[in-house]
C-alpha atoms as a PDB file:
ATOM      1  CA  MET A   1      18.917  54.841  14.086  1.00  0.00           C
ATOM      2  CA  SER A   2      16.857  52.431  12.022  1.00  0.00           C
ATOM      3  CA  GLU A   3      17.749  48.787  11.784  1.00  0.00           C
ATOM      4  CA  TYR A   4      17.878  46.890   8.529  1.00  0.00           C
ATOM      5  CA  LYS A   5      16.887  43.283   8.210  1.00  0.00           C
ATOM      6  CA  LEU A   6      18.978  41.170   5.878  1.00  0.00           C
ATOM      7  CA  MET A   7      16.648  39.177   3.614  1.00  0.00           C
ATOM      8  CA  LYS A   8      17.133  36.545   0.977  1.00  0.00           C
ATOM      9  CA  TRP A   9      16.195  37.691  -2.507  1.00  0.00           C
ATOM     10  CA  SER A  10      13.435  35.066  -2.651  1.00  0.00           C
ATOM     11  CA  GLU A  11      11.885  36.502   0.540  1.00  0.00           C
ATOM     12  CA  LEU A  12      12.060  40.088  -0.682  1.00  0.00           C
ATOM     13  CA  LYS A  13      10.743  39.117  -4.099  1.00  0.00           C
ATOM     14  CA  ALA A  14       7.690  37.511  -2.467  1.00  0.00           C
ATOM     15  CA  THR A  15       6.759  40.922  -0.989  1.00  0.00           C
ATOM     16  CA  LEU A  16       6.981  42.844  -4.263  1.00  0.00           C
ATOM     17  CA  PRO A  17       4.174  43.448  -6.754  1.00  0.00           C
ATOM     18  CA  PRO A  18       4.518  41.627 -10.107  1.00  0.00           C
ATOM     19  CA  ASP A  19       5.205  44.820 -12.074  1.00  0.00           C
ATOM     20  CA  SER A  20       8.155  45.648  -9.802  1.00  0.00           C
ATOM     21  CA  ILE A  21       9.557  42.145 -10.220  1.00  0.00           C
ATOM     22  CA  ALA A  22       9.201  42.438 -14.000  1.00  0.00           C
ATOM     23  CA  ARG A  23      11.095  45.768 -14.017  1.00  0.00           C
ATOM     24  CA  ILE A  24      13.860  44.359 -11.809  1.00  0.00           C
ATOM     25  CA  ASP A  25      14.184  41.239 -13.974  1.00  0.00           C
ATOM     26  CA  ALA A  26      14.322  43.325 -17.167  1.00  0.00           C
ATOM     27  CA  ARG A  27      16.993  45.589 -15.712  1.00  0.00           C
ATOM     28  CA  PHE A  28      18.981  42.578 -14.507  1.00  0.00           C
ATOM     29  CA  ARG A  29      18.845  40.941 -17.960  1.00  0.00           C
ATOM     30  CA  GLU A  30      19.886  44.203 -19.631  1.00  0.00           C
ATOM     31  CA  THR A  31      22.813  44.687 -17.274  1.00  0.00           C
ATOM     32  CA  MET A  32      23.953  41.068 -17.541  1.00  0.00           C
ATOM     33  CA  SER A  33      23.796  41.143 -21.335  1.00  0.00           C
ATOM     34  CA  ARG A  34      26.404  43.932 -21.357  1.00  0.00           C
ATOM     35  CA  LEU A  35      28.799  42.233 -18.957  1.00  0.00           C
ATOM     36  CA  ARG A  36      31.799  40.400 -20.291  1.00  0.00           C
ATOM     37  CA  LEU A  37      32.839  37.131 -18.685  1.00  0.00           C
ATOM     38  CA  SER A  38      35.955  38.865 -17.359  1.00  0.00           C
ATOM     39  CA  ASP A  39      33.725  41.457 -15.635  1.00  0.00           C
ATOM     40  CA  ILE A  40      31.904  38.670 -13.824  1.00  0.00           C
ATOM     41  CA  ARG A  41      35.183  36.988 -12.847  1.00  0.00           C
ATOM     42  CA  GLU A  42      36.611  40.246 -11.520  1.00  0.00           C
ATOM     43  CA  ALA A  43      33.417  41.027  -9.594  1.00  0.00           C
ATOM     44  CA  VAL A  44      33.686  37.648  -7.872  1.00  0.00           C
ATOM     45  CA  GLY A  45      37.304  38.492  -7.036  1.00  0.00           C
ATOM     46  CA  HIS A  46      39.073  35.800  -9.054  1.00  0.00           C
ATOM     47  CA  THR A  47      42.106  36.155 -11.272  1.00  0.00           C
ATOM     48  CA  GLN A  48      42.474  34.231 -14.515  1.00  0.00           C
ATOM     49  CA  VAL A  49      45.156  32.103 -12.830  1.00  0.00           C
ATOM     50  CA  GLU A  50      42.842  31.191  -9.938  1.00  0.00           C
ATOM     51  CA  LEU A  51      39.978  30.367 -12.280  1.00  0.00           C
ATOM     52  CA  ALA A  52      42.298  28.323 -14.496  1.00  0.00           C
ATOM     53  CA  ALA A  53      43.292  26.229 -11.478  1.00  0.00           C
ATOM     54  CA  GLN A  54      39.608  25.599 -10.678  1.00  0.00           C
ATOM     55  CA  LEU A  55      38.943  24.577 -14.285  1.00  0.00           C
ATOM     56  CA  LYS A  56      42.175  22.546 -14.510  1.00  0.00           C
ATOM     57  CA  LEU A  57      43.264  24.662 -17.471  1.00  0.00           C
ATOM     58  CA  GLY A  58      46.061  27.087 -18.169  1.00  0.00           C
ATOM     59  CA  GLN A  59      45.612  30.841 -17.751  1.00  0.00           C
ATOM     60  CA  ALA A  60      45.827  31.287 -21.529  1.00  0.00           C
ATOM     61  CA  SER A  61      42.791  29.005 -21.940  1.00  0.00           C
ATOM     62  CA  VAL A  62      40.756  31.155 -19.547  1.00  0.00           C
ATOM     63  CA  SER A  63      41.802  34.218 -21.534  1.00  0.00           C
ATOM     64  CA  LYS A  64      40.604  32.516 -24.737  1.00  0.00           C
ATOM     65  CA  ILE A  65      37.267  31.621 -23.124  1.00  0.00           C
ATOM     66  CA  GLU A  66      36.755  35.209 -21.973  1.00  0.00           C
ATOM     67  CA  SER A  67      37.518  36.669 -25.388  1.00  0.00           C
ATOM     68  CA  ALA A  68      35.815  33.995 -27.511  1.00  0.00           C
ATOM     69  CA  ALA A  69      33.220  35.127 -30.033  1.00  0.00           C
ATOM     70  CA  ASP A  70      31.296  31.921 -29.404  1.00  0.00           C
ATOM     71  CA  MET A  71      31.502  28.953 -27.048  1.00  0.00           C
ATOM     72  CA  TYR A  72      29.802  25.754 -26.062  1.00  0.00           C
ATOM     73  CA  LEU A  73      27.099  26.155 -23.442  1.00  0.00           C
ATOM     74  CA  SER A  74      28.917  23.512 -21.406  1.00  0.00           C
ATOM     75  CA  THR A  75      32.018  25.749 -21.372  1.00  0.00           C
ATOM     76  CA  LEU A  76      29.965  28.668 -20.083  1.00  0.00           C
ATOM     77  CA  ARG A  77      28.387  26.396 -17.455  1.00  0.00           C
ATOM     78  CA  ARG A  78      31.801  25.176 -16.253  1.00  0.00           C
ATOM     79  CA  TYR A  79      33.129  28.759 -16.203  1.00  0.00           C
ATOM     80  CA  ILE A  80      30.251  29.943 -14.001  1.00  0.00           C
ATOM     81  CA  GLU A  81      30.269  26.901 -11.729  1.00  0.00           C
ATOM     82  CA  ALA A  82      34.035  27.258 -11.181  1.00  0.00           C
ATOM     83  CA  GLN A  83      33.338  30.683  -9.696  1.00  0.00           C
ATOM     84  CA  GLY A  84      30.822  29.321  -7.233  1.00  0.00           C
ATOM     85  CA  GLY A  85      27.738  29.656  -9.399  1.00  0.00           C
ATOM     86  CA  GLU A  86      24.948  27.171  -8.881  1.00  0.00           C
ATOM     87  CA  ARG A  87      22.536  25.546 -11.309  1.00  0.00           C
ATOM     88  CA  GLY A  88      19.965  28.337 -10.991  1.00  0.00           C
ATOM     89  CA  GLU A  89      22.608  30.998 -11.598  1.00  0.00           C
ATOM     90  CA  VAL A  90      23.960  29.023 -14.546  1.00  0.00           C
ATOM     91  CA  ALA A  91      20.477  28.782 -16.024  1.00  0.00           C
ATOM     92  CA  GLN A  92      20.011  32.530 -15.550  1.00  0.00           C
ATOM     93  CA  ALA A  93      23.357  33.268 -17.187  1.00  0.00           C
ATOM     94  CA  LEU A  94      22.570  30.967 -20.087  1.00  0.00           C
ATOM     95  CA  SER A  95      19.199  32.628 -20.622  1.00  0.00           C
ATOM     96  CA  VAL A  96      20.826  36.060 -20.500  1.00  0.00           C
ATOM     97  CA  HIS A  97      23.712  35.172 -22.808  1.00  0.00           C
ATOM     98  CA  ALA A  98      21.872  32.846 -25.176  1.00  0.00           C
ATOM     99  CA  PRO A  99      21.181  34.708 -28.420  1.00  0.00           C
ATOM    100  CA  GLN A 100      18.162  34.356 -30.652  1.00  0.00           C
ATOM    101  CA  LYS A 101      18.097  31.376 -33.020  1.00  0.00           C
ATOM    102  CA  PRO A 102      19.919  33.058 -35.973  1.00  0.00           C
ATOM    103  CA  ASN A 103      23.158  33.224 -33.939  1.00  0.00           C
ATOM    104  CA  THR A 104      22.893  29.736 -32.438  1.00  0.00           C
ATOM    105  CA  ARG A 105      24.188  26.733 -34.280  1.00  0.00           C
ATOM    106  CA  THR A 106      24.641  23.079 -33.515  1.00  0.00           C
ATOM    107  CA  VAL A 107      28.081  21.561 -33.869  1.00  0.00           C
ATOM    108  CA  GLY A 108      28.458  17.828 -33.364  1.00  0.00           C
ATOM    109  CA  GLY A 109      25.176  17.649 -31.468  1.00  0.00           C
ATOM    110  CA  SER A 110      26.137  20.471 -29.063  1.00  0.00           C
ATOM    111  CA  ALA A 111      24.700  23.961 -29.089  1.00  0.00           C
ATOM    112  CA  ARG A 112      27.132  26.828 -29.506  1.00  0.00           C
ATOM    113  CA  VAL A 113      26.419  30.381 -28.393  1.00  0.00           C
ATOM    114  CA  ARG A 114      27.843  33.440 -30.123  1.00  0.00           C
ATOM    115  CA  ASN A 115      28.828  36.228 -27.693  1.00  0.00           C
ATOM    116  CA  ARG A 116      27.639  39.732 -28.450  1.00  0.00           C
END
């Protein structure tokens, strides 16, 4: 029976050729761009009620966030961080979910992102 070594992604990534990393990153971005916020929440194992408690909001507010056509980047950041996401994961999520300039607008000095 062969043994498997558990590795951090950063360690595994360091052993891969650049073209493999590029393919993995492209596939990750494609997959993430199709996920809804509720899919991410469910994958983490949270309910809307649990997430609402973390965000100090009501469950209905979490439902609105998950079904919103657009939102502040700070709202998306708080949503991800409340589920245990860290700054790097937030940055990745923002880069995946941030649309091209035609769908981004500034409201009161804050950027808003339109969901796909």
